[in-house]
């Protein structure tokens, strides 16, 4: 028989709740600008520098609030983004407990993605090592064959 899981109290932080509400547009705009910046066929190319500066200004707004909350900037951005995603899906403000669960799931997914990326990187490093061996072999063969001409 499994022991009963102790129910932890739901997170409560009025300052964070206020930050989520006030930064929702800012974080959405960051994602919009980033999408435009990575689009290779973007019609926004003439505004590239303006968008880069806008993105920096938006992140600074998040950073300023994060500093007041004693929270890393990207962590606050993630909290705001997840709370906004849940609000859109449900049609109402998400409690911080639900945001916590969403962030926990996201953390697990990102950790798996990072592990897979590390495996892919290692495979590429091995392929690079094999390619370097072939380059070295070709250089050695060339050197030897050129010496035979002399």
Protein backbone atom coordinates (compact mmCIF):
# COMPACT_ATOMS: atom_id res chain seq x y z
CA UNK A 1 0.00 0.00 0.00
CA UNK A 2 1.37 3.39 -1.01
CA UNK A 3 1.80 5.98 1.72
CA UNK A 4 -0.48 8.97 1.36
CA UNK A 5 1.22 11.82 -0.40
CA UNK A 6 1.41 14.91 1.72
CA UNK A 7 -0.40 17.83 0.12
CA UNK A 8 1.77 20.92 0.08
CA UNK A 9 0.11 24.31 0.34
CA UNK A 10 -0.42 26.14 -2.92
CA UNK A 11 2.15 28.84 -3.66
CA UNK A 12 0.98 32.32 -2.77
CA UNK A 13 2.82 35.48 -3.77
CA UNK A 14 0.80 38.61 -4.50
CA UNK A 15 3.86 40.35 -5.99
CA UNK A 16 4.36 37.48 -8.42
CA UNK A 17 0.64 37.46 -9.28
CA UNK A 18 0.87 41.18 -10.07
CA UNK A 19 4.02 40.66 -12.15
CA UNK A 20 2.32 37.89 -14.14
CA UNK A 21 -0.60 40.17 -14.97
CA UNK A 22 1.55 43.18 -15.78
CA UNK A 23 4.17 41.33 -17.85
CA UNK A 24 1.90 39.05 -19.89
CA UNK A 25 1.88 41.41 -22.88
CA UNK A 26 5.63 42.04 -22.56
CA UNK A 27 6.51 38.33 -22.63
CA UNK A 28 4.08 37.69 -25.51
CA UNK A 29 5.74 40.52 -27.44
CA UNK A 30 9.19 39.06 -26.74
CA UNK A 31 8.09 35.78 -28.30
CA UNK A 32 6.54 37.59 -31.29
CA UNK A 33 9.72 39.59 -31.91
CA UNK A 34 11.88 36.48 -31.52
CA UNK A 35 9.70 34.64 -34.06
CA UNK A 36 10.16 37.49 -36.51
CA UNK A 37 13.93 37.53 -35.91
CA UNK A 38 14.39 33.84 -36.69
CA UNK A 39 12.11 33.78 -39.75
CA UNK A 40 14.50 33.56 -42.72
CA UNK A 41 11.82 34.85 -45.10
CA UNK A 42 10.75 37.64 -42.83
CA UNK A 43 9.35 40.79 -44.35
CA UNK A 44 10.55 42.46 -41.15
CA UNK A 45 14.20 42.37 -42.21
CA UNK A 46 14.39 46.16 -42.78
CA UNK A 47 13.42 46.61 -39.11
CA UNK A 48 15.97 44.08 -37.87
CA UNK A 49 17.98 46.45 -35.65
CA UNK A 50 14.79 48.01 -34.29
CA UNK A 51 13.49 44.55 -33.35
CA UNK A 52 16.78 43.60 -31.70
CA UNK A 53 16.61 46.76 -29.57
CA UNK A 54 12.92 46.22 -28.80
CA UNK A 55 13.67 42.67 -27.64
CA UNK A 56 16.46 43.94 -25.38
CA UNK A 57 14.17 46.61 -23.92
CA UNK A 58 11.40 44.08 -23.28
CA UNK A 59 13.80 41.68 -21.56
CA UNK A 60 15.08 44.60 -19.47
CA UNK A 61 11.52 45.24 -18.31
CA UNK A 62 11.27 41.60 -17.21
CA UNK A 63 14.74 41.81 -15.60
CA UNK A 64 13.77 44.88 -13.58
CA UNK A 65 10.71 43.13 -12.16
CA UNK A 66 12.66 39.90 -11.62
CA UNK A 67 15.24 41.78 -9.58
CA UNK A 68 12.49 43.12 -7.29
CA UNK A 69 11.18 39.57 -6.86
CA UNK A 70 14.70 38.18 -6.32
CA UNK A 71 14.15 35.79 -9.21
CA UNK A 72 16.27 35.07 -12.29
CA UNK A 73 15.04 36.99 -15.33
CA UNK A 74 14.44 33.94 -17.54
CA UNK A 75 12.64 32.17 -14.68
CA UNK A 76 10.18 35.06 -14.36
CA UNK A 77 9.72 35.10 -18.14
CA UNK A 78 8.93 31.39 -18.04
CA UNK A 79 6.46 31.77 -15.17
CA UNK A 80 4.67 34.60 -16.97
CA UNK A 81 4.62 32.66 -20.24
CA UNK A 82 3.22 29.49 -18.64
CA UNK A 83 0.62 31.41 -16.62
CA UNK A 84 -0.47 33.21 -19.79
CA UNK A 85 -0.64 29.93 -21.74
CA UNK A 86 -2.82 28.37 -19.03
CA UNK A 87 -5.03 31.48 -18.87
CA UNK A 88 -5.61 31.36 -22.62
CA UNK A 89 -6.41 27.64 -22.53
CA UNK A 90 -8.81 27.91 -19.59
CA UNK A 91 -10.25 31.32 -20.20
CA UNK A 92 -9.40 32.45 -16.68
CA UNK A 93 -6.39 33.24 -14.51
CA UNK A 94 -4.43 30.14 -13.50
CA UNK A 95 -3.60 29.62 -9.83
CA UNK A 96 0.10 29.54 -9.02
CA UNK A 97 -0.23 25.84 -8.10
CA UNK A 98 -1.23 25.10 -11.70
CA UNK A 99 1.62 27.24 -13.01
CA UNK A 100 3.99 25.30 -10.74
CA UNK A 101 2.76 21.97 -12.17
CA UNK A 102 3.13 23.30 -15.73
CA UNK A 103 6.69 24.47 -15.01
CA UNK A 104 7.56 21.09 -13.45
CA UNK A 105 6.36 19.28 -16.60
CA UNK A 106 8.23 21.74 -18.79
CA UNK A 107 11.40 21.27 -16.75
CA UNK A 108 11.22 17.51 -17.26
CA UNK A 109 10.67 17.93 -21.01
CA UNK A 110 13.52 20.39 -21.39
CA UNK A 111 15.84 18.14 -19.38
CA UNK A 112 15.02 15.26 -21.76
CA UNK A 113 15.54 17.53 -24.77
CA UNK A 114 18.91 18.62 -23.39
CA UNK A 115 19.96 15.02 -22.79
CA UNK A 116 19.00 14.11 -26.36
CA UNK A 117 20.92 17.13 -27.66
CA UNK A 118 23.97 16.04 -25.63
CA UNK A 119 23.77 12.58 -27.22
CA UNK A 120 23.47 14.12 -30.69
CA UNK A 121 26.44 16.38 -29.95
CA UNK A 122 28.53 13.40 -28.85
CA UNK A 123 27.61 11.52 -32.03
CA UNK A 124 28.68 14.53 -34.09
CA UNK A 125 31.94 14.80 -32.12
CA UNK A 126 32.67 11.15 -32.89
CA UNK A 127 31.88 11.72 -36.58
CA UNK A 128 34.17 14.77 -36.53
CA UNK A 129 36.94 12.67 -34.99
CA UNK A 130 36.57 10.03 -37.69
CA UNK A 131 36.57 12.73 -40.37
CA UNK A 132 39.75 14.23 -38.87
CA UNK A 133 41.38 10.78 -39.02
CA UNK A 134 40.53 10.61 -42.74
CA UNK A 135 41.94 14.11 -43.29
CA UNK A 136 45.14 13.12 -41.48
CA UNK A 137 45.36 9.87 -43.48
CA UNK A 138 44.94 11.74 -46.76
CA UNK A 139 47.59 14.28 -45.73
CA UNK A 140 49.97 11.47 -44.81
CA UNK A 141 49.31 9.65 -48.09
CA UNK A 142 49.87 12.84 -50.06
CA UNK A 143 53.10 13.64 -48.24
CA UNK A 144 54.40 10.13 -48.87
CA UNK A 145 53.41 10.15 -52.55
CA UNK A 146 54.96 13.58 -53.09
CA UNK A 147 58.18 12.33 -51.47
CA UNK A 148 58.23 9.40 -53.89
CA UNK A 149 58.39 11.86 -56.82
CA UNK A 150 61.60 13.38 -55.62
